[in-house]
Amino acid sequence: MRRTATTDCEIGGRQIRKDDQVLMWYVSANRDEDVFGDNADDLDVERHNADRHLSFGYGFHYCLGSRLAELQLRVLWEEILPRFNRIEIQAEPQRSFSSFIHGYTHLPVRVARR
């Protein structure tokens, strides 16, 4: 997400001048030591503030469709886990070419039925 500064200001100790281009990386925000502490790079779903990640936004900008997405993932795993013993990644995943969405376009896997 890119914005243009309308006035001179300072953010995080960095000087931003009027008309400077400022880019926000969601990936970086999800690893913010000021929010997540010393282990900000660790994936810890039991972290006391795990809901502060920005996958669905936060606060006023929280995604209205997040509950549907969470339900879809829950149903997906409820259907997959009883059917398969193992899911193995077969090759390096291919990521989407985007400065906005940090996702995958291709992830080959092999599954072993129960």
PDB file of N, CA and C in Angstrom:
ATOM      1  N   MET A   1       0.857  -1.158   0.000  1.00  0.00           N
ATOM      2  CA  MET A   1       0.000   0.000   0.000  1.00  0.00           C
ATOM      3  C   MET A   1       0.907   1.225   0.000  1.00  0.00           C
ATOM      4  N   ARG A   2       0.785   2.074  -1.005  1.00  0.00           N
ATOM      5  CA  ARG A   2       1.637   3.245  -1.139  1.00  0.00           C
ATOM      6  C   ARG A   2       0.826   4.512  -0.945  1.00  0.00           C
ATOM      7  N   ARG A   3       1.436   5.449  -0.284  1.00  0.00           N
ATOM      8  CA  ARG A   3       0.815   6.759  -0.074  1.00  0.00           C
ATOM      9  C   ARG A   3       1.849   7.845  -0.332  1.00  0.00           C
ATOM     10  N   THR A   4       1.367   9.052  -0.570  1.00  0.00           N
ATOM     11  CA  THR A   4       2.225  10.220  -0.750  1.00  0.00           C
ATOM     12  C   THR A   4       2.037  11.137   0.446  1.00  0.00           C
ATOM     13  N   ALA A   5       3.144  11.503   1.087  1.00  0.00           N
ATOM     14  CA  ALA A   5       3.077  12.393   2.252  1.00  0.00           C
ATOM     15  C   ALA A   5       2.580  13.767   1.821  1.00  0.00           C
ATOM     16  N   THR A   6       1.645  14.312   2.578  1.00  0.00           N
ATOM     17  CA  THR A   6       1.101  15.644   2.273  1.00  0.00           C
ATOM     18  C   THR A   6       1.791  16.750   3.057  1.00  0.00           C
ATOM     19  N   THR A   7       2.537  16.362   4.116  1.00  0.00           N
ATOM     20  CA  THR A   7       3.301  17.331   4.908  1.00  0.00           C
ATOM     21  C   THR A   7       4.584  16.657   5.394  1.00  0.00           C
ATOM     22  N   ASP A   8       5.542  17.458   5.801  1.00  0.00           N
ATOM     23  CA  ASP A   8       6.742  16.932   6.433  1.00  0.00           C
ATOM     24  C   ASP A   8       6.354  16.327   7.779  1.00  0.00           C
ATOM     25  N   CYS A   9       6.940  15.184   8.108  1.00  0.00           N
ATOM     26  CA  CYS A   9       6.664  14.560   9.401  1.00  0.00           C
ATOM     27  C   CYS A   9       7.779  13.578   9.732  1.00  0.00           C
ATOM     28  N   GLU A  10       7.660  12.955  10.891  1.00  0.00           N
ATOM     29  CA  GLU A  10       8.609  11.932  11.306  1.00  0.00           C
ATOM     30  C   GLU A  10       7.827  10.709  11.746  1.00  0.00           C
ATOM     31  N   ILE A  11       8.242   9.538  11.263  1.00  0.00           N
ATOM     32  CA  ILE A  11       7.594   8.281  11.632  1.00  0.00           C
ATOM     33  C   ILE A  11       8.686   7.303  12.032  1.00  0.00           C
ATOM     34  N   GLY A  12       8.588   6.798  13.245  1.00  0.00           N
ATOM     35  CA  GLY A  12       9.571   5.824  13.711  1.00  0.00           C
ATOM     36  C   GLY A  12      10.995   6.327  13.652  1.00  0.00           C
ATOM     37  N   GLY A  13      11.200   7.611  13.897  1.00  0.00           N
ATOM     38  CA  GLY A  13      12.535   8.182  13.875  1.00  0.00           C
ATOM     39  C   GLY A  13      13.060   8.521  12.484  1.00  0.00           C
ATOM     40  N   ARG A  14      12.231   8.320  11.475  1.00  0.00           N
ATOM     41  CA  ARG A  14      12.633   8.619  10.086  1.00  0.00           C
ATOM     42  C   ARG A  14      11.917   9.876   9.615  1.00  0.00           C
ATOM     43  N   GLN A  15      12.669  10.758   8.966  1.00  0.00           N
ATOM     44  CA  GLN A  15      12.107  11.997   8.430  1.00  0.00           C
ATOM     45  C   GLN A  15      11.394  11.700   7.110  1.00  0.00           C
ATOM     46  N   ILE A  16      10.146  12.085   7.015  1.00  0.00           N
ATOM     47  CA  ILE A  16       9.358  11.950   5.788  1.00  0.00           C
ATOM     48  C   ILE A  16       9.065  13.372   5.307  1.00  0.00           C
ATOM     49  N   ARG A  17       9.405  13.661   4.069  1.00  0.00           N
ATOM     50  CA  ARG A  17       9.170  15.004   3.531  1.00  0.00           C
ATOM     51  C   ARG A  17       7.898  15.023   2.693  1.00  0.00           C
ATOM     52  N   LYS A  18       7.302  16.183   2.577  1.00  0.00           N
ATOM     53  CA  LYS A  18       6.124  16.351   1.737  1.00  0.00           C
ATOM     54  C   LYS A  18       6.428  15.811   0.330  1.00  0.00           C
ATOM     55  N   ASP A  19       5.490  15.074  -0.227  1.00  0.00           N
ATOM     56  CA  ASP A  19       5.568  14.454  -1.558  1.00  0.00           C
ATOM     57  C   ASP A  19       6.450  13.205  -1.610  1.00  0.00           C
ATOM     58  N   ASP A  20       7.053  12.790  -0.478  1.00  0.00           N
ATOM     59  CA  ASP A  20       7.763  11.504  -0.453  1.00  0.00           C
ATOM     60  C   ASP A  20       6.752  10.373  -0.628  1.00  0.00           C
ATOM     61  N   GLN A  21       7.186   9.317  -1.288  1.00  0.00           N
ATOM     62  CA  GLN A  21       6.358   8.117  -1.435  1.00  0.00           C
ATOM     63  C   GLN A  21       6.635   7.206  -0.236  1.00  0.00           C
ATOM     64  N   VAL A  22       5.591   6.754   0.428  1.00  0.00           N
ATOM     65  CA  VAL A  22       5.725   5.891   1.597  1.00  0.00           C
ATOM     66  C   VAL A  22       5.023   4.572   1.285  1.00  0.00           C
ATOM     67  N   LEU A  23       5.730   3.468   1.530  1.00  0.00           N
ATOM     68  CA  LEU A  23       5.187   2.149   1.241  1.00  0.00           C
ATOM     69  C   LEU A  23       5.019   1.382   2.545  1.00  0.00           C
ATOM     70  N   MET A  24       3.835   0.803   2.760  1.00  0.00           N
ATOM     71  CA  MET A  24       3.593  -0.013   3.944  1.00  0.00           C
ATOM     72  C   MET A  24       3.594  -1.477   3.529  1.00  0.00           C
ATOM     73  N   TRP A  25       4.396  -2.278   4.221  1.00  0.00           N
ATOM     74  CA  TRP A  25       4.460  -3.708   3.964  1.00  0.00           C
ATOM     75  C   TRP A  25       3.731  -4.427   5.086  1.00  0.00           C
ATOM     76  N   TYR A  26       2.643  -5.117   4.764  1.00  0.00           N
ATOM     77  CA  TYR A  26       1.900  -5.867   5.769  1.00  0.00           C
ATOM     78  C   TYR A  26       2.778  -6.948   6.405  1.00  0.00           C
ATOM     79  N   VAL A  27       3.634  -7.571   5.608  1.00  0.00           N
ATOM     80  CA  VAL A  27       4.504  -8.621   6.128  1.00  0.00           C
ATOM     81  C   VAL A  27       5.363  -8.066   7.256  1.00  0.00           C
ATOM     82  N   SER A  28       5.885  -6.870   7.080  1.00  0.00           N
ATOM     83  CA  SER A  28       6.706  -6.255   8.122  1.00  0.00           C
ATOM     84  C   SER A  28       5.878  -5.964   9.357  1.00  0.00           C
ATOM     85  N   ALA A  29       4.675  -5.482   9.166  1.00  0.00           N
ATOM     86  CA  ALA A  29       3.820  -5.136  10.302  1.00  0.00           C
ATOM     87  C   ALA A  29       3.508  -6.362  11.148  1.00  0.00           C
ATOM     88  N   ASN A  30       3.386  -7.511  10.521  1.00  0.00           N
ATOM     89  CA  ASN A  30       3.105  -8.734  11.266  1.00  0.00           C
ATOM     90  C   ASN A  30       4.313  -9.228  12.057  1.00  0.00           C
ATOM     91  N   ARG A  31       5.440  -8.573  11.878  1.00  0.00           N
ATOM     92  CA  ARG A  31       6.657  -8.925  12.615  1.00  0.00           C
ATOM     93  C   ARG A  31       7.194  -7.725  13.414  1.00  0.00           C
ATOM     94  N   ASP A  32       6.318  -6.850  13.790  1.00  0.00           N
ATOM     95  CA  ASP A  32       6.683  -5.625  14.498  1.00  0.00           C
ATOM     96  C   ASP A  32       7.057  -5.934  15.950  1.00  0.00           C
ATOM     97  N   GLU A  33       8.329  -5.701  16.311  1.00  0.00           N
ATOM     98  CA  GLU A  33       8.779  -5.972  17.674  1.00  0.00           C
ATOM     99  C   GLU A  33       8.049  -5.115  18.702  1.00  0.00           C
ATOM    100  N   ASP A  34       7.614  -3.921  18.305  1.00  0.00           N
ATOM    101  CA  ASP A  34       6.877  -3.071  19.242  1.00  0.00           C
ATOM    102  C   ASP A  34       5.522  -3.674  19.611  1.00  0.00           C
ATOM    103  N   VAL A  35       4.967  -4.489  18.730  1.00  0.00           N
ATOM    104  CA  VAL A  35       3.669  -5.127  18.983  1.00  0.00           C
ATOM    105  C   VAL A  35       3.846  -6.540  19.523  1.00  0.00           C
ATOM    106  N   PHE A  36       4.764  -7.321  18.918  1.00  0.00           N
ATOM    107  CA  PHE A  36       4.874  -8.744  19.226  1.00  0.00           C
ATOM    108  C   PHE A  36       6.078  -9.118  20.084  1.00  0.00           C
ATOM    109  N   GLY A  37       6.901  -8.158  20.469  1.00  0.00           N
ATOM    110  CA  GLY A  37       8.010  -8.424  21.373  1.00  0.00           C
ATOM    111  C   GLY A  37       9.230  -9.028  20.702  1.00  0.00           C
ATOM    112  N   ASP A  38      10.084  -9.615  21.529  1.00  0.00           N
ATOM    113  CA  ASP A  38      11.370 -10.143  21.059  1.00  0.00           C
ATOM    114  C   ASP A  38      11.238 -11.296  20.079  1.00  0.00           C
ATOM    115  N   ASN A  39      10.149 -12.055  20.155  1.00  0.00           N
ATOM    116  CA  ASN A  39       9.982 -13.196  19.251  1.00  0.00           C
ATOM    117  C   ASN A  39       8.991 -12.868  18.129  1.00  0.00           C
ATOM    118  N   ALA A  40       9.069 -11.660  17.615  1.00  0.00           N
ATOM    119  CA  ALA A  40       8.122 -11.198  16.595  1.00  0.00           C
ATOM    120  C   ALA A  40       8.166 -12.030  15.322  1.00  0.00           C
ATOM    121  N   ASP A  41       9.301 -12.632  15.001  1.00  0.00           N
ATOM    122  CA  ASP A  41       9.417 -13.443  13.785  1.00  0.00           C
ATOM    123  C   ASP A  41       8.865 -14.859  13.959  1.00  0.00           C
ATOM    124  N   ASP A  42       8.583 -15.265  15.195  1.00  0.00           N
ATOM    125  CA  ASP A  42       8.072 -16.615  15.447  1.00  0.00           C
ATOM    126  C   ASP A  42       6.575 -16.689  15.166  1.00  0.00           C
ATOM    127  N   LEU A  43       6.142 -17.801  14.579  1.00  0.00           N
ATOM    128  CA  LEU A  43       4.715 -18.058  14.410  1.00  0.00           C
ATOM    129  C   LEU A  43       4.233 -18.712  15.698  1.00  0.00           C
ATOM    130  N   ASP A  44       3.502 -17.958  16.502  1.00  0.00           N
ATOM    131  CA  ASP A  44       3.031 -18.446  17.796  1.00  0.00           C
ATOM    132  C   ASP A  44       1.542 -18.139  17.909  1.00  0.00           C
ATOM    133  N   VAL A  45       0.704 -19.120  17.564  1.00  0.00           N
ATOM    134  CA  VAL A  45      -0.744 -18.877  17.563  1.00  0.00           C
ATOM    135  C   VAL A  45      -1.305 -18.745  18.967  1.00  0.00           C
ATOM    136  N   GLU A  46      -0.520 -19.096  19.987  1.00  0.00           N
ATOM    137  CA  GLU A  46      -0.965 -18.950  21.373  1.00  0.00           C
ATOM    138  C   GLU A  46      -0.439 -17.676  22.027  1.00  0.00           C
ATOM    139  N   ARG A  47       0.197 -16.819  21.245  1.00  0.00           N
ATOM    140  CA  ARG A  47       0.696 -15.535  21.737  1.00  0.00           C
ATOM    141  C   ARG A  47      -0.480 -14.747  22.334  1.00  0.00           C
ATOM    142  N   HIS A  48      -0.242 -14.023  23.396  1.00  0.00           N
ATOM    143  CA  HIS A  48      -1.339 -13.306  24.065  1.00  0.00           C
ATOM    144  C   HIS A  48      -2.030 -12.307  23.146  1.00  0.00           C
ATOM    145  N   ASN A  49      -1.340 -11.809  22.135  1.00  0.00           N
ATOM    146  CA  ASN A  49      -1.953 -10.846  21.212  1.00  0.00           C
ATOM    147  C   ASN A  49      -1.914 -11.363  19.771  1.00  0.00           C
ATOM    148  N   ALA A  50      -2.118 -12.662  19.604  1.00  0.00           N
ATOM    149  CA  ALA A  50      -2.063 -13.275  18.273  1.00  0.00           C
ATOM    150  C   ALA A  50      -3.074 -12.653  17.316  1.00  0.00           C
ATOM    151  N   ASP A  51      -4.153 -12.094  17.853  1.00  0.00           N
ATOM    152  CA  ASP A  51      -5.174 -11.486  16.989  1.00  0.00           C
ATOM    153  C   ASP A  51      -4.746 -10.129  16.428  1.00  0.00           C
ATOM    154  N   ARG A  52      -3.558  -9.660  16.772  1.00  0.00           N
ATOM    155  CA  ARG A  52      -3.085  -8.363  16.285  1.00  0.00           C
ATOM    156  C   ARG A  52      -2.407  -8.450  14.926  1.00  0.00           C
ATOM    157  N   HIS A  53      -2.255  -9.664  14.359  1.00  0.00           N
ATOM    158  CA  HIS A  53      -1.665  -9.753  13.026  1.00  0.00           C
ATOM    159  C   HIS A  53      -2.618  -9.083  12.039  1.00  0.00           C
ATOM    160  N   LEU A  54      -2.097  -8.706  10.888  1.00  0.00           N
ATOM    161  CA  LEU A  54      -2.868  -7.881   9.957  1.00  0.00           C
ATOM    162  C   LEU A  54      -3.472  -8.650   8.788  1.00  0.00           C
ATOM    163  N   SER A  55      -3.588  -9.971   8.920  1.00  0.00           N
ATOM    164  CA  SER A  55      -4.165 -10.743   7.824  1.00  0.00           C
ATOM    165  C   SER A  55      -5.566 -10.271   7.473  1.00  0.00           C
ATOM    166  N   PHE A  56      -6.345  -9.930   8.469  1.00  0.00           N
ATOM    167  CA  PHE A  56      -7.712  -9.444   8.247  1.00  0.00           C
ATOM    168  C   PHE A  56      -7.874  -7.986   8.654  1.00  0.00           C
ATOM    169  N   GLY A  57      -6.777  -7.281   8.832  1.00  0.00           N
ATOM    170  CA  GLY A  57      -6.864  -5.906   9.295  1.00  0.00           C
ATOM    171  C   GLY A  57      -6.941  -5.882  10.807  1.00  0.00           C
ATOM    172  N   TYR A  58      -7.228  -4.714  11.366  1.00  0.00           N
ATOM    173  CA  TYR A  58      -7.323  -4.606  12.819  1.00  0.00           C
ATOM    174  C   TYR A  58      -8.174  -3.399  13.168  1.00  0.00           C
ATOM    175  N   GLY A  59      -8.902  -3.502  14.262  1.00  0.00           N
ATOM    176  CA  GLY A  59      -9.694  -2.375  14.750  1.00  0.00           C
ATOM    177  C   GLY A  59     -10.767  -1.955  13.757  1.00  0.00           C
ATOM    178  N   PHE A  60     -10.825  -0.674  13.481  1.00  0.00           N
ATOM    179  CA  PHE A  60     -11.842  -0.096  12.594  1.00  0.00           C
ATOM    180  C   PHE A  60     -11.790  -0.712  11.202  1.00  0.00           C
ATOM    181  N   HIS A  61     -10.618  -1.123  10.768  1.00  0.00           N
ATOM    182  CA  HIS A  61     -10.439  -1.645   9.410  1.00  0.00           C
ATOM    183  C   HIS A  61     -10.464  -3.180   9.358  1.00  0.00           C
ATOM    184  N   TYR A  62     -11.091  -3.823  10.342  1.00  0.00           N
ATOM    185  CA  TYR A  62     -11.149  -5.280  10.363  1.00  0.00           C
ATOM    186  C   TYR A  62     -12.061  -5.775   9.242  1.00  0.00           C
ATOM    187  N   CYS A  63     -11.635  -6.814   8.549  1.00  0.00           N
ATOM    188  CA  CYS A  63     -12.336  -7.350   7.385  1.00  0.00           C
ATOM    189  C   CYS A  63     -13.698  -7.928   7.753  1.00  0.00           C
ATOM    190  N   LEU A  64     -14.732  -7.494   7.062  1.00  0.00           N
ATOM    191  CA  LEU A  64     -16.071  -8.012   7.316  1.00  0.00           C
ATOM    192  C   LEU A  64     -16.204  -9.479   6.938  1.00  0.00           C
ATOM    193  N   GLY A  65     -15.426  -9.943   5.980  1.00  0.00           N
ATOM    194  CA  GLY A  65     -15.502 -11.329   5.531  1.00  0.00           C
ATOM    195  C   GLY A  65     -14.607 -12.281   6.297  1.00  0.00           C
ATOM    196  N   SER A  66     -13.943 -11.804   7.343  1.00  0.00           N
ATOM    197  CA  SER A  66     -12.980 -12.643   8.057  1.00  0.00           C
ATOM    198  C   SER A  66     -13.624 -13.874   8.680  1.00  0.00           C
ATOM    199  N   ARG A  67     -14.799 -13.728   9.230  1.00  0.00           N
ATOM    200  CA  ARG A  67     -15.458 -14.878   9.867  1.00  0.00           C
ATOM    201  C   ARG A  67     -15.806 -15.947   8.838  1.00  0.00           C
ATOM    202  N   LEU A  68     -16.221 -15.537   7.649  1.00  0.00           N
ATOM    203  CA  LEU A  68     -16.498 -16.497   6.588  1.00  0.00           C
ATOM    204  C   LEU A  68     -15.211 -17.212   6.174  1.00  0.00           C
ATOM    205  N   ALA A  69     -14.122 -16.460   6.026  1.00  0.00           N
ATOM    206  CA  ALA A  69     -12.839 -17.064   5.660  1.00  0.00           C
ATOM    207  C   ALA A  69     -12.384 -18.050   6.732  1.00  0.00           C
ATOM    208  N   GLU A  70     -12.527 -17.691   8.009  1.00  0.00           N
ATOM    209  CA  GLU A  70     -12.140 -18.589   9.098  1.00  0.00           C
ATOM    210  C   GLU A  70     -13.005 -19.851   9.088  1.00  0.00           C
ATOM    211  N   LEU A  71     -14.296 -19.700   8.827  1.00  0.00           N
ATOM    212  CA  LEU A  71     -15.189 -20.851   8.755  1.00  0.00           C
ATOM    213  C   LEU A  71     -14.823 -21.762   7.584  1.00  0.00           C
ATOM    214  N   GLN A  72     -14.493 -21.171   6.437  1.00  0.00           N
ATOM    215  CA  GLN A  72     -14.088 -21.966   5.283  1.00  0.00           C
ATOM    216  C   GLN A  72     -12.830 -22.775   5.587  1.00  0.00           C
ATOM    217  N   LEU A  73     -11.860 -22.160   6.259  1.00  0.00           N
ATOM    218  CA  LEU A  73     -10.639 -22.888   6.625  1.00  0.00           C
ATOM    219  C   LEU A  73     -10.941 -24.002   7.621  1.00  0.00           C
ATOM    220  N   ARG A  74     -11.808 -23.735   8.569  1.00  0.00           N
ATOM    221  CA  ARG A  74     -12.172 -24.760   9.553  1.00  0.00           C
ATOM    222  C   ARG A  74     -12.818 -25.967   8.870  1.00  0.00           C
ATOM    223  N   VAL A  75     -13.766 -25.707   7.978  1.00  0.00           N
ATOM    224  CA  VAL A  75     -14.427 -26.795   7.255  1.00  0.00           C
ATOM    225  C   VAL A  75     -13.424 -27.547   6.388  1.00  0.00           C
ATOM    226  N   LEU A  76     -12.524 -26.815   5.720  1.00  0.00           N
ATOM    227  CA  LEU A  76     -11.496 -27.451   4.898  1.00  0.00           C
ATOM    228  C   LEU A  76     -10.676 -28.444   5.716  1.00  0.00           C
ATOM    229  N   TRP A  77     -10.159 -28.009   6.869  1.00  0.00           N
ATOM    230  CA  TRP A  77      -9.334 -28.893   7.699  1.00  0.00           C
ATOM    231  C   TRP A  77     -10.152 -30.020   8.308  1.00  0.00           C
ATOM    232  N   GLU A  78     -11.412 -29.759   8.662  1.00  0.00           N
ATOM    233  CA  GLU A  78     -12.266 -30.822   9.198  1.00  0.00           C
ATOM    234  C   GLU A  78     -12.507 -31.921   8.161  1.00  0.00           C
ATOM    235  N   GLU A  79     -12.500 -31.557   6.894  1.00  0.00           N
ATOM    236  CA  GLU A  79     -12.694 -32.531   5.818  1.00  0.00           C
ATOM    237  C   GLU A  79     -11.392 -33.211   5.405  1.00  0.00           C
ATOM    238  N   ILE A  80     -10.291 -32.490   5.419  1.00  0.00           N
ATOM    239  CA  ILE A  80      -9.004 -33.043   4.974  1.00  0.00           C
ATOM    240  C   ILE A  80      -8.388 -33.978   6.006  1.00  0.00           C
ATOM    241  N   LEU A  81      -8.338 -33.567   7.256  1.00  0.00           N
ATOM    242  CA  LEU A  81      -7.605 -34.329   8.270  1.00  0.00           C
ATOM    243  C   LEU A  81      -8.106 -35.757   8.470  1.00  0.00           C
ATOM    244  N   PRO A  82      -9.419 -36.033   8.471  1.00  0.00           N
ATOM    245  CA  PRO A  82      -9.852 -37.429   8.615  1.00  0.00           C
ATOM    246  C   PRO A  82      -9.525 -38.302   7.392  1.00  0.00           C
ATOM    247  N   ARG A  83      -9.282 -37.701   6.252  1.00  0.00           N
ATOM    248  CA  ARG A  83      -9.076 -38.454   5.013  1.00  0.00           C
ATOM    249  C   ARG A  83      -7.613 -38.807   4.729  1.00  0.00           C
ATOM    250  N   PHE A  84      -6.689 -37.997   5.247  1.00  0.00           N
ATOM    251  CA  PHE A  84      -5.286 -38.163   4.863  1.00  0.00           C
ATOM    252  C   PHE A  84      -4.388 -38.292   6.084  1.00  0.00           C
ATOM    253  N   ASN A  85      -3.435 -39.234   5.986  1.00  0.00           N
ATOM    254  CA  ASN A  85      -2.422 -39.420   7.025  1.00  0.00           C
ATOM    255  C   ASN A  85      -1.359 -38.339   6.982  1.00  0.00           C
ATOM    256  N   ARG A  86      -0.975 -37.998   5.764  1.00  0.00           N
ATOM    257  CA  ARG A  86       0.186 -37.135   5.582  1.00  0.00           C
ATOM    258  C   ARG A  86      -0.008 -36.255   4.355  1.00  0.00           C
ATOM    259  N   ILE A  87       0.461 -35.038   4.459  1.00  0.00           N
ATOM    260  CA  ILE A  87       0.498 -34.107   3.331  1.00  0.00           C
ATOM    261  C   ILE A  87       1.937 -33.629   3.225  1.00  0.00           C
ATOM    262  N   GLU A  88       2.600 -33.935   2.099  1.00  0.00           N
ATOM    263  CA  GLU A  88       4.011 -33.595   1.933  1.00  0.00           C
ATOM    264  C   GLU A  88       4.194 -32.613   0.787  1.00  0.00           C
ATOM    265  N   ILE A  89       4.929 -31.573   1.043  1.00  0.00           N
ATOM    266  CA  ILE A  89       5.271 -30.604  -0.002  1.00  0.00           C
ATOM    267  C   ILE A  89       6.286 -31.256  -0.939  1.00  0.00           C
ATOM    268  N   GLN A  90       6.059 -31.159  -2.244  1.00  0.00           N
ATOM    269  CA  GLN A  90       6.903 -31.827  -3.237  1.00  0.00           C
ATOM    270  C   GLN A  90       7.943 -30.913  -3.880  1.00  0.00           C
ATOM    271  N   ALA A  91       7.718 -29.632  -3.860  1.00  0.00           N
ATOM    272  CA  ALA A  91       8.654 -28.693  -4.487  1.00  0.00           C
ATOM    273  C   ALA A  91       8.496 -27.335  -3.817  1.00  0.00           C
ATOM    274  N   GLU A  92       9.437 -26.457  -4.120  1.00  0.00           N
ATOM    275  CA  GLU A  92       9.366 -25.103  -3.577  1.00  0.00           C
ATOM    276  C   GLU A  92       8.074 -24.430  -4.041  1.00  0.00           C
ATOM    277  N   PRO A  93       7.366 -23.773  -3.150  1.00  0.00           N
ATOM    278  CA  PRO A  93       6.152 -23.058  -3.567  1.00  0.00           C
ATOM    279  C   PRO A  93       6.494 -21.869  -4.441  1.00  0.00           C
ATOM    280  N   GLN A  94       5.580 -21.515  -5.319  1.00  0.00           N
ATOM    281  CA  GLN A  94       5.722 -20.299  -6.124  1.00  0.00           C
ATOM    282  C   GLN A  94       4.841 -19.234  -5.486  1.00  0.00           C
ATOM    283  N   ARG A  95       5.425 -18.091  -5.245  1.00  0.00           N
ATOM    284  CA  ARG A  95       4.700 -17.002  -4.596  1.00  0.00           C
ATOM    285  C   ARG A  95       4.105 -16.049  -5.629  1.00  0.00           C
ATOM    286  N   SER A  96       3.045 -15.380  -5.214  1.00  0.00           N
ATOM    287  CA  SER A  96       2.432 -14.383  -6.087  1.00  0.00           C
ATOM    288  C   SER A  96       3.367 -13.174  -6.200  1.00  0.00           C
ATOM    289  N   PHE A  97       3.358 -12.538  -7.350  1.00  0.00           N
ATOM    290  CA  PHE A  97       4.181 -11.350  -7.577  1.00  0.00           C
ATOM    291  C   PHE A  97       3.323 -10.135  -7.228  1.00  0.00           C
ATOM    292  N   SER A  98       3.411  -9.712  -5.974  1.00  0.00           N
ATOM    293  CA  SER A  98       2.549  -8.640  -5.499  1.00  0.00           C
ATOM    294  C   SER A  98       3.195  -7.955  -4.305  1.00  0.00           C
ATOM    295  N   SER A  99       3.056  -6.658  -4.233  1.00  0.00           N
ATOM    296  CA  SER A  99       3.518  -5.935  -3.054  1.00  0.00           C
ATOM    297  C   SER A  99       2.395  -5.818  -2.028  1.00  0.00           C
ATOM    298  N   PHE A 100       1.228  -6.370  -2.347  1.00  0.00           N
ATOM    299  CA  PHE A 100       0.071  -6.252  -1.472  1.00  0.00           C
ATOM    300  C   PHE A 100      -0.327  -7.584  -0.848  1.00  0.00           C
ATOM    301  N   ILE A 101      -0.284  -8.663  -1.644  1.00  0.00           N
ATOM    302  CA  ILE A 101      -0.685  -9.977  -1.150  1.00  0.00           C
ATOM    303  C   ILE A 101       0.537 -10.880  -1.116  1.00  0.00           C
ATOM    304  N   HIS A 102       0.833 -11.405   0.049  1.00  0.00           N
ATOM    305  CA  HIS A 102       1.984 -12.289   0.247  1.00  0.00           C
ATOM    306  C   HIS A 102       1.454 -13.714   0.225  1.00  0.00           C
ATOM    307  N   GLY A 103       1.199 -14.234  -0.980  1.00  0.00           N
ATOM    308  CA  GLY A 103       0.562 -15.537  -1.078  1.00  0.00           C
ATOM    309  C   GLY A 103       1.256 -16.461  -2.047  1.00  0.00           C
ATOM    310  N   TYR A 104       0.639 -17.610  -2.270  1.00  0.00           N
ATOM    311  CA  TYR A 104       1.172 -18.639  -3.154  1.00  0.00           C
ATOM    312  C   TYR A 104       0.303 -18.763  -4.399  1.00  0.00           C
ATOM    313  N   THR A 105       0.950 -19.069  -5.511  1.00  0.00           N
ATOM    314  CA  THR A 105       0.218 -19.364  -6.741  1.00  0.00           C
ATOM    315  C   THR A 105       0.311 -20.841  -7.090  1.00  0.00           C
ATOM    316  N   HIS A 106       1.331 -21.532  -6.540  1.00  0.00           N
ATOM    317  CA  HIS A 106       1.523 -22.947  -6.860  1.00  0.00           C
ATOM    318  C   HIS A 106       2.239 -23.623  -5.693  1.00  0.00           C
ATOM    319  N   LEU A 107       1.678 -24.727  -5.206  1.00  0.00           N
ATOM    320  CA  LEU A 107       2.289 -25.479  -4.118  1.00  0.00           C
ATOM    321  C   LEU A 107       1.978 -26.963  -4.324  1.00  0.00           C
ATOM    322  N   PRO A 108       2.878 -27.687  -5.025  1.00  0.00           N
ATOM    323  CA  PRO A 108       2.620 -29.108  -5.281  1.00  0.00           C
ATOM    324  C   PRO A 108       2.789 -29.942  -4.008  1.00  0.00           C
ATOM    325  N   VAL A 109       1.806 -30.800  -3.744  1.00  0.00           N
ATOM    326  CA  VAL A 109       1.841 -31.662  -2.555  1.00  0.00           C
ATOM    327  C   VAL A 109       1.479 -33.090  -2.949  1.00  0.00           C
ATOM    328  N   ARG A 110       1.876 -34.030  -2.103  1.00  0.00           N
ATOM    329  CA  ARG A 110       1.459 -35.423  -2.233  1.00  0.00           C
ATOM    330  C   ARG A 110       0.720 -35.748  -0.933  1.00  0.00           C
ATOM    331  N   VAL A 111      -0.436 -36.387  -1.084  1.00  0.00           N
ATOM    332  CA  VAL A 111      -1.217 -36.757   0.094  1.00  0.00           C
ATOM    333  C   VAL A 111      -1.282 -38.272   0.200  1.00  0.00           C
ATOM    334  N   ALA A 112      -1.261 -38.770   1.429  1.00  0.00           N
ATOM    335  CA  ALA A 112      -1.379 -40.200   1.690  1.00  0.00           C
ATOM    336  C   ALA A 112      -2.715 -40.449   2.377  1.00  0.00           C
ATOM    337  N   ARG A 113      -3.566 -41.229   1.726  1.00  0.00           N
ATOM    338  CA  ARG A 113      -4.890 -41.527   2.300  1.00  0.00           C
ATOM    339  C   ARG A 113      -4.767 -42.377   3.550  1.00  0.00           C
ATOM    340  N   ARG A 114      -5.718 -42.234   4.446  1.00  0.00           N
ATOM    341  CA  ARG A 114      -5.791 -43.070   5.654  1.00  0.00           C
ATOM    342  C   ARG A 114      -6.217 -44.455   5.309  1.00  0.00           C
TER     343      ARG A 114
END
